[in-house]
C-alpha atoms as a PDB file:
ATOM      1  CA  GLN A   1       4.607 -13.857 -12.183  1.00  0.00           C
ATOM      2  CA  VAL A   2       2.637 -12.085  -9.489  1.00  0.00           C
ATOM      3  CA  GLN A   3      -0.512 -10.088 -10.116  1.00  0.00           C
ATOM      4  CA  LEU A   4      -1.593  -7.385  -7.677  1.00  0.00           C
ATOM      5  CA  VAL A   5      -5.020  -5.762  -7.592  1.00  0.00           C
ATOM      6  CA  GLU A   6      -5.686  -2.792  -5.338  1.00  0.00           C
ATOM      7  CA  SER A   7      -9.028  -1.589  -4.046  1.00  0.00           C
ATOM      8  CA  GLY A   8     -10.396   0.769  -1.430  1.00  0.00           C
ATOM      9  CA  GLY A   9      -9.397   4.156  -2.747  1.00  0.00           C
ATOM     10  CA  GLY A  10     -11.880   6.988  -2.889  1.00  0.00           C
ATOM     11  CA  LEU A  11     -12.846  10.395  -1.621  1.00  0.00           C
ATOM     12  CA  VAL A  12     -12.667  11.226   2.063  1.00  0.00           C
ATOM     13  CA  GLN A  13     -12.700  14.405   4.108  1.00  0.00           C
ATOM     14  CA  ALA A  14      -9.574  15.516   5.903  1.00  0.00           C
ATOM     15  CA  GLY A  15      -9.366  13.712   9.207  1.00  0.00           C
ATOM     16  CA  GLY A  16     -11.222  10.719   7.860  1.00  0.00           C
ATOM     17  CA  SER A  17     -10.127   7.147   7.218  1.00  0.00           C
ATOM     18  CA  LEU A  18      -9.786   4.729   4.334  1.00  0.00           C
ATOM     19  CA  ARG A  19      -8.581   1.153   4.088  1.00  0.00           C
ATOM     20  CA  LEU A  20      -6.741   0.010   0.999  1.00  0.00           C
ATOM     21  CA  SER A  21      -6.546  -3.652   0.069  1.00  0.00           C
ATOM     22  CA  CYS A  22      -4.217  -5.457  -2.308  1.00  0.00           C
ATOM     23  CA  ALA A  23      -4.906  -9.009  -3.388  1.00  0.00           C
ATOM     24  CA  ALA A  24      -2.012 -11.018  -4.777  1.00  0.00           C
ATOM     25  CA  SER A  25      -2.306 -13.946  -7.148  1.00  0.00           C
ATOM     26  CA  GLY A  26       0.004 -16.025  -9.293  1.00  0.00           C
ATOM     27  CA  SER A  27       3.377 -17.106  -7.916  1.00  0.00           C
ATOM     28  CA  ILE A  28       2.492 -15.952  -4.427  1.00  0.00           C
ATOM     29  CA  PHE A  29       4.714 -18.560  -2.792  1.00  0.00           C
ATOM     30  CA  SER A  30       7.701 -16.500  -3.902  1.00  0.00           C
ATOM     31  CA  ILE A  31       6.566 -13.238  -2.307  1.00  0.00           C
ATOM     32  CA  ASN A  32       8.695 -11.945   0.525  1.00  0.00           C
ATOM     33  CA  VAL A  33       7.973  -8.280   1.176  1.00  0.00           C
ATOM     34  CA  MET A  34       4.739  -6.473   0.357  1.00  0.00           C
ATOM     35  CA  GLY A  35       4.063  -2.816   0.675  1.00  0.00           C
ATOM     36  CA  TRP A  36       2.414   0.387  -0.391  1.00  0.00           C
ATOM     37  CA  TYR A  37       3.940   3.265  -2.278  1.00  0.00           C
ATOM     38  CA  ARG A  38       2.459   6.496  -3.551  1.00  0.00           C
ATOM     39  CA  GLN A  39       3.253   8.815  -6.400  1.00  0.00           C
ATOM     40  CA  THR A  40       2.167  12.321  -7.231  1.00  0.00           C
ATOM     41  CA  PRO A  41       2.558  13.416 -10.876  1.00  0.00           C
ATOM     42  CA  GLY A  42       5.984  14.908 -11.420  1.00  0.00           C
ATOM     43  CA  LYS A  43       7.448  13.336  -8.309  1.00  0.00           C
ATOM     44  CA  GLN A  44       9.209  10.080  -7.549  1.00  0.00           C
ATOM     45  CA  ARG A  45       7.281   7.154  -6.211  1.00  0.00           C
ATOM     46  CA  GLU A  46       7.756   7.068  -2.444  1.00  0.00           C
ATOM     47  CA  LEU A  47       7.502   4.336   0.125  1.00  0.00           C
ATOM     48  CA  VAL A  48       4.518   4.532   2.437  1.00  0.00           C
ATOM     49  CA  ALA A  49       4.777   1.252   4.364  1.00  0.00           C
ATOM     50  CA  VAL A  50       6.170  -2.243   3.908  1.00  0.00           C
ATOM     51  CA  ILE A  51       5.693  -5.522   5.718  1.00  0.00           C
ATOM     52  CA  THR A  52       7.678  -8.737   5.566  1.00  0.00           C
ATOM     53  CA  GLY A  53       6.284 -12.239   5.613  1.00  0.00           C
ATOM     54  CA  GLY A  54       7.185 -12.399   9.275  1.00  0.00           C
ATOM     55  CA  GLY A  55       5.254  -9.245  10.077  1.00  0.00           C
ATOM     56  CA  SER A  56       8.062  -6.719  10.462  1.00  0.00           C
ATOM     57  CA  THR A  57       6.975  -3.283   9.303  1.00  0.00           C
ATOM     58  CA  ASN A  58       8.511  -0.027   8.205  1.00  0.00           C
ATOM     59  CA  TYR A  59       6.772   3.300   7.618  1.00  0.00           C
ATOM     60  CA  ALA A  60       7.530   6.633   6.063  1.00  0.00           C
ATOM     61  CA  ASP A  61       7.947   9.283   8.748  1.00  0.00           C
ATOM     62  CA  SER A  62       5.059  11.239   7.268  1.00  0.00           C
ATOM     63  CA  VAL A  63       2.551   8.460   8.002  1.00  0.00           C
ATOM     64  CA  LYS A  64       3.839   7.019  11.274  1.00  0.00           C
ATOM     65  CA  GLY A  65       1.124   6.936  13.884  1.00  0.00           C
ATOM     66  CA  ARG A  66      -1.619   7.430  11.282  1.00  0.00           C
ATOM     67  CA  PHE A  67      -1.266   4.505   8.858  1.00  0.00           C
ATOM     68  CA  THR A  68      -1.072   0.808   9.666  1.00  0.00           C
ATOM     69  CA  ILE A  69      -0.002  -1.914   7.266  1.00  0.00           C
ATOM     70  CA  SER A  70      -1.104  -5.485   7.830  1.00  0.00           C
ATOM     71  CA  ARG A  71      -0.936  -8.720   5.944  1.00  0.00           C
ATOM     72  CA  ASP A  72      -3.202 -11.746   5.695  1.00  0.00           C
ATOM     73  CA  ASN A  73      -0.906 -14.468   4.438  1.00  0.00           C
ATOM     74  CA  ALA A  74      -3.710 -17.016   4.256  1.00  0.00           C
ATOM     75  CA  ASN A  75      -5.607 -14.826   1.789  1.00  0.00           C
ATOM     76  CA  ASN A  76      -2.547 -13.296   0.114  1.00  0.00           C
ATOM     77  CA  THR A  77      -3.758  -9.809   0.873  1.00  0.00           C
ATOM     78  CA  VAL A  78      -2.066  -6.738   2.288  1.00  0.00           C
ATOM     79  CA  TYR A  79      -3.970  -3.836   3.800  1.00  0.00           C
ATOM     80  CA  LEU A  80      -3.223  -0.215   4.527  1.00  0.00           C
ATOM     81  CA  GLN A  81      -5.418   1.383   7.169  1.00  0.00           C
ATOM     82  CA  MET A  82      -5.167   5.133   6.772  1.00  0.00           C
ATOM     83  CA  ASN A  83      -6.455   7.329   9.590  1.00  0.00           C
ATOM     84  CA  SER A  84      -6.349  11.075  10.168  1.00  0.00           C
ATOM     85  CA  LEU A  85      -5.936  11.643   6.442  1.00  0.00           C
ATOM     86  CA  LYS A  86      -4.506  14.956   5.307  1.00  0.00           C
ATOM     87  CA  PRO A  87      -4.832  16.716   1.946  1.00  0.00           C
ATOM     88  CA  GLU A  88      -1.158  15.967   1.310  1.00  0.00           C
ATOM     89  CA  ASP A  89      -1.940  12.230   1.476  1.00  0.00           C
ATOM     90  CA  ALA A  90      -4.065  12.548  -1.663  1.00  0.00           C
ATOM     91  CA  THR A  91      -2.480  10.784  -4.607  1.00  0.00           C
ATOM     92  CA  VAL A  92      -2.312   7.382  -6.307  1.00  0.00           C
ATOM     93  CA  TYR A  93      -1.310   4.480  -4.081  1.00  0.00           C
ATOM     94  CA  TYR A  94       0.421   1.442  -5.534  1.00  0.00           C
ATOM     95  CA  CYS A  95       0.733  -2.033  -4.092  1.00  0.00           C
ATOM     96  CA  ASN A  96       4.159  -3.647  -4.355  1.00  0.00           C
ATOM     97  CA  ALA A  97       5.445  -7.169  -3.888  1.00  0.00           C
ATOM     98  CA  VAL A  98       9.029  -8.348  -3.922  1.00  0.00           C
ATOM     99  CA  ASN A  99       9.820 -11.988  -4.458  1.00  0.00           C
ATOM    100  CA  SER A 100      12.670 -14.010  -3.042  1.00  0.00           C
ATOM    101  CA  GLY A 101      14.743 -13.235  -6.126  1.00  0.00           C
ATOM    102  CA  GLY A 102      14.361  -9.494  -5.652  1.00  0.00           C
ATOM    103  CA  MET A 103      11.932  -8.961  -8.521  1.00  0.00           C
ATOM    104  CA  ASN A 104       9.397  -6.179  -8.011  1.00  0.00           C
ATOM    105  CA  TYR A 105       5.751  -6.395  -9.006  1.00  0.00           C
ATOM    106  CA  TRP A 106       3.308  -3.496  -9.030  1.00  0.00           C
ATOM    107  CA  GLY A 107      -0.430  -3.038  -9.060  1.00  0.00           C
ATOM    108  CA  LYS A 108      -2.109  -0.471 -11.296  1.00  0.00           C
ATOM    109  CA  GLY A 109      -2.817   1.887  -8.431  1.00  0.00           C
ATOM    110  CA  THR A 110      -5.807   3.238  -6.574  1.00  0.00           C
ATOM    111  CA  LEU A 111      -6.623   6.916  -6.202  1.00  0.00           C
ATOM    112  CA  VAL A 112      -7.062   8.518  -2.798  1.00  0.00           C
ATOM    113  CA  THR A 113      -8.627  11.970  -2.717  1.00  0.00           C
ATOM    114  CA  VAL A 114      -8.758  14.002   0.487  1.00  0.00           C
ATOM    115  CA  SER A 115     -10.941  17.084   0.635  1.00  0.00           C
ATOM    116  CA  SER A 116     -10.035  19.900   3.000  1.00  0.00           C
END
């Protein structure tokens, strides 16, 4: 089992920045890919950014150039630096981890609010 706890959400003005953190615990040795997803009520959960254990990254087109995902393997933490935030970025962000067997784990989410 892997437990994920997000932090760093909050209220920010459009154009501002936030950094989300996700701390992993439990069977962390099995984690391969970690990432961030977001979901607005009534819509499907969508990928924001993912990072492999080796540091390869992938981003949604909507956040490229504004968001940066990073990973501290020593502290089992993944970060999402969000710059130039837009009102359409406002929603709940979820941390995700995938283990070597392909099992997905999710955090409970952290709310990001962007005022225009």
